[in-house]
Protein backbone atom coordinates (compact mmCIF):
# COMPACT_ATOMS: atom_id res chain seq x y z
CA UNK A 1 30.71 3.99 19.50
CA UNK A 2 27.72 1.40 19.50
CA UNK A 3 25.06 3.64 21.15
CA UNK A 4 25.58 6.87 18.42
CA UNK A 5 25.30 4.14 15.73
CA UNK A 6 22.40 2.60 16.75
CA UNK A 7 20.39 5.28 17.94
CA UNK A 8 21.12 6.50 13.75
CA UNK A 9 19.88 3.21 13.04
CA UNK A 10 16.52 3.24 14.95
CA UNK A 11 16.36 6.96 14.24
CA UNK A 12 17.04 6.72 10.56
CA UNK A 13 14.34 3.95 10.41
CA UNK A 14 11.92 5.71 12.04
CA UNK A 15 11.72 8.17 9.51
CA UNK A 16 12.67 6.67 6.55
CA UNK A 17 10.26 3.06 6.76
CA UNK A 18 6.74 4.52 5.85
CA UNK A 19 4.64 4.91 3.06
CA UNK A 20 5.82 7.69 1.31
CA UNK A 21 6.47 9.00 -2.17
CA UNK A 22 10.15 8.61 -2.33
CA UNK A 23 9.62 5.35 -1.49
CA UNK A 24 6.81 4.15 -4.19
CA UNK A 25 8.86 5.33 -6.63
CA UNK A 26 11.43 3.02 -5.27
CA UNK A 27 8.66 0.15 -4.94
CA UNK A 28 7.73 0.77 -8.67
CA UNK A 29 10.69 1.03 -9.97
CA UNK A 30 11.77 -1.86 -8.31
CA UNK A 31 8.90 -3.86 -9.55
CA UNK A 32 9.66 -3.00 -13.27
CA UNK A 33 13.12 -3.78 -12.95
CA UNK A 34 13.72 -0.54 -14.18
CA UNK A 35 17.10 1.46 -12.77
CA UNK A 36 16.66 0.17 -9.96
CA UNK A 37 20.64 0.49 -9.02
CA UNK A 38 20.46 4.17 -9.89
CA UNK A 39 17.44 4.99 -8.40
CA UNK A 40 18.80 3.07 -4.58
CA UNK A 41 21.67 4.78 -5.96
CA UNK A 42 20.00 8.47 -5.72
CA UNK A 43 18.03 8.17 -3.00
CA UNK A 44 20.53 6.41 -1.23
CA UNK A 45 23.17 8.90 -1.62
CA UNK A 46 20.66 12.08 -1.97
CA UNK A 47 19.81 10.76 1.79
CA UNK A 48 23.13 10.60 3.18
CA UNK A 49 24.40 13.73 1.75
CA UNK A 50 21.41 15.05 3.94
CA UNK A 51 22.48 13.62 6.83
CA UNK A 52 25.52 14.60 6.58
CA UNK A 53 24.58 18.30 6.56
CA UNK A 54 22.05 18.49 9.22
CA UNK A 55 24.83 16.68 11.28
CA UNK A 56 27.05 19.25 10.54
CA UNK A 57 25.05 21.77 11.70
CA UNK A 58 23.33 23.30 8.58
CA UNK A 59 20.17 22.69 10.19
CA UNK A 60 20.63 26.31 11.38
CA UNK A 61 21.04 28.49 8.08
CA UNK A 62 18.04 26.27 6.78
CA UNK A 63 15.86 28.03 10.04
CA UNK A 64 17.17 30.68 8.99
CA UNK A 65 16.15 30.96 5.23
CA UNK A 66 12.06 29.73 5.40
CA UNK A 67 11.31 31.83 2.00
CA UNK A 68 13.20 28.51 0.73
CA UNK A 69 11.63 26.38 2.32
CA UNK A 70 8.54 27.70 0.93
CA UNK A 71 9.39 27.53 -3.05
CA UNK A 72 10.41 23.92 -2.08
CA UNK A 73 6.84 23.17 -0.74
CA UNK A 74 5.02 24.86 -3.53
CA UNK A 75 7.19 22.65 -6.42
CA UNK A 76 7.28 19.80 -4.04
CA UNK A 77 3.39 19.87 -4.33
CA UNK A 78 3.45 20.40 -8.18
CA UNK A 79 6.03 17.72 -8.58
CA UNK A 80 3.38 14.83 -7.01
CA UNK A 81 0.19 16.45 -8.67
CA UNK A 82 1.50 15.89 -11.96
CA UNK A 83 3.17 12.63 -10.65
CA UNK A 84 -0.14 10.85 -8.72
CA UNK A 85 -1.96 12.34 -12.02
CA UNK A 86 0.56 10.34 -14.33
CA UNK A 87 -0.06 7.49 -11.47
CA UNK A 88 -3.68 7.67 -12.48
CA UNK A 89 -3.85 7.40 -15.99
CA UNK A 90 -1.56 4.07 -15.48
CA UNK A 91 -4.24 3.08 -13.38
CA UNK A 92 -7.47 3.81 -15.45
CA UNK A 93 -5.89 2.20 -18.39
CA UNK A 94 -4.20 -0.68 -17.08
CA UNK A 95 -0.16 -1.60 -17.04
CA UNK A 96 1.41 -1.62 -20.80
CA UNK A 97 3.35 -4.49 -19.87
CA UNK A 98 2.22 -8.45 -20.63
CA UNK A 99 5.55 -10.14 -18.36
CA UNK A 100 7.24 -7.79 -15.90
CA UNK A 101 10.21 -6.65 -16.99
CA UNK A 102 9.55 -5.86 -20.67
CA UNK A 103 7.87 -3.06 -22.19
CA UNK A 104 8.82 0.27 -22.39
CA UNK A 105 10.19 1.98 -19.07
CA UNK A 106 11.74 5.91 -18.76
CA UNK A 107 15.06 6.70 -19.80
CA UNK A 108 17.84 6.77 -16.95
CA UNK A 109 17.89 10.79 -17.30
CA UNK A 110 14.32 10.62 -16.41
CA UNK A 111 13.93 8.46 -13.64
CA UNK A 112 17.73 10.35 -12.88
CA UNK A 113 15.37 12.98 -12.77
CA UNK A 114 12.40 11.81 -11.09
CA UNK A 115 14.76 10.54 -8.13
CA UNK A 116 15.91 13.44 -7.28
CA UNK A 117 12.69 15.34 -7.44
CA UNK A 118 11.39 12.71 -4.71
CA UNK A 119 14.23 13.66 -2.52
CA UNK A 120 14.63 17.26 -3.08
CA UNK A 121 11.65 19.01 -3.38
CA UNK A 122 9.98 17.52 -0.32
CA UNK A 123 10.42 19.90 2.59
CA UNK A 124 9.93 17.44 5.32
CA UNK A 125 13.33 15.64 4.36
CA UNK A 126 14.75 19.19 5.00
CA UNK A 127 12.93 19.12 8.58
CA UNK A 128 12.95 15.49 9.32
CA UNK A 129 16.44 14.64 7.84
CA UNK A 130 18.49 17.62 8.20
CA UNK A 131 16.70 19.52 11.74
CA UNK A 132 15.74 16.53 13.38
CA UNK A 133 18.29 13.58 12.71
CA UNK A 134 20.71 16.67 13.27
CA UNK A 135 19.55 18.07 16.07
CA UNK A 136 19.33 14.23 18.07
CA UNK A 137 23.15 13.78 16.19
CA UNK A 138 23.84 16.83 18.22
CA UNK A 139 23.16 15.15 22.24
CA UNK A 140 25.61 11.76 21.18
CA UNK A 141 28.41 14.98 21.39
CA UNK A 142 31.34 15.99 18.48
CA UNK A 143 32.63 12.87 18.19
CA UNK A 144 29.43 10.61 19.08
CA UNK A 145 27.71 12.77 16.45
CA UNK A 146 29.20 11.16 12.70
CA UNK A 147 28.81 7.78 14.49
CA UNK A 148 24.51 8.79 15.07
CA UNK A 149 25.52 9.73 11.11
CA UNK A 150 27.23 6.47 10.52
CA UNK A 151 24.22 4.47 11.69
CA UNK A 152 21.51 6.87 10.01
CA UNK A 153 23.63 6.58 7.03
CA UNK A 154 23.31 2.13 7.48
CA UNK A 155 19.84 2.28 7.99
CA UNK A 156 18.59 4.40 4.10
CA UNK A 157 21.30 2.39 2.02
CA UNK A 158 19.78 -0.52 3.52
CA UNK A 159 15.97 0.67 3.74
CA UNK A 160 16.41 1.33 -0.21
CA UNK A 161 18.51 -1.79 -1.33
CA UNK A 162 15.96 -3.64 1.12
CA UNK A 163 12.91 -2.42 -1.23
CA UNK A 164 14.16 -1.76 -4.83
CA UNK A 165 15.49 -5.22 -4.90
CA UNK A 166 13.03 -7.11 -2.63
CA UNK A 167 10.27 -5.82 -4.56
CA UNK A 168 11.14 -8.58 -7.54
CA UNK A 169 10.13 -10.86 -4.98
CA UNK A 170 6.37 -9.72 -4.98
CA UNK A 171 6.39 -10.36 -9.55
CA UNK A 172 4.55 -13.19 -9.67
CA UNK A 173 1.98 -10.51 -8.16
CA UNK A 174 2.83 -7.92 -10.09
CA UNK A 175 1.94 -10.25 -13.00
CA UNK A 176 -1.45 -9.47 -13.26
CA UNK A 177 -2.88 -6.25 -14.79
CA UNK A 178 -5.43 -5.60 -12.19
CA UNK A 179 -2.68 -5.39 -9.39
CA UNK A 180 -0.77 -2.82 -11.31
CA UNK A 181 -4.41 -0.83 -11.11
CA UNK A 182 -3.95 -1.76 -8.18
CA UNK A 183 -0.78 -0.32 -7.63
CA UNK A 184 -1.09 3.12 -9.35
CA UNK A 185 -3.84 3.81 -7.81
CA UNK A 186 -2.60 3.66 -4.38
CA UNK A 187 0.29 5.87 -5.58
CA UNK A 188 -1.36 8.00 -7.13
CA UNK A 189 -3.73 8.27 -3.76
CA UNK A 190 -0.58 8.93 -2.13
CA UNK A 191 1.32 11.59 -4.47
CA UNK A 192 -2.03 13.51 -4.17
CA UNK A 193 -2.21 13.73 -0.36
CA UNK A 194 1.60 14.25 0.25
CA UNK A 195 0.96 17.40 -1.85
CA UNK A 196 -2.21 18.32 -0.15
CA UNK A 197 -0.50 17.68 3.29
CA UNK A 198 2.70 20.32 1.82
CA UNK A 199 0.29 23.29 0.98
CA UNK A 200 -1.86 22.82 4.01
């Protein structure tokens, strides 16, 4: 039991701990203290669903449906370019927050939709979380694979919680407008880069 759980934990963290579009979104929401619990729940639960699908063997179906991944790829790229453009505009204009946690923020429905889009419109999530983790899980046998899934799920929940909640410790830095501009510029660059990588 211990070995599959540790293997799942390590594999999950190796895939999720990276500067990507989804992590940048969680970080920004955490800094704004805007619907943080909702964002963490959406990202973590989506990951858990994908992990379970991968361990259950749904990756075989995905491999046989390349057209579906192609649609997701272009839709995801368009979404990333649009979000990147908004981030670039914020970087040029400057953050409208006088203090962290104040000012106008997106409603919960918009945040929910954005969080879902960052996860489900990313074709890499199907290749990494479903196919790759599913393949590794299968090496632990019929029973061990579910312990592997538990470890990978724990990694996802722990990471998104740490990122969303831990962002508040950066609050003193982001009380300066220049810091928000730098963050938004980095987010814009990450989004556009991810979009280019998707279509390339």
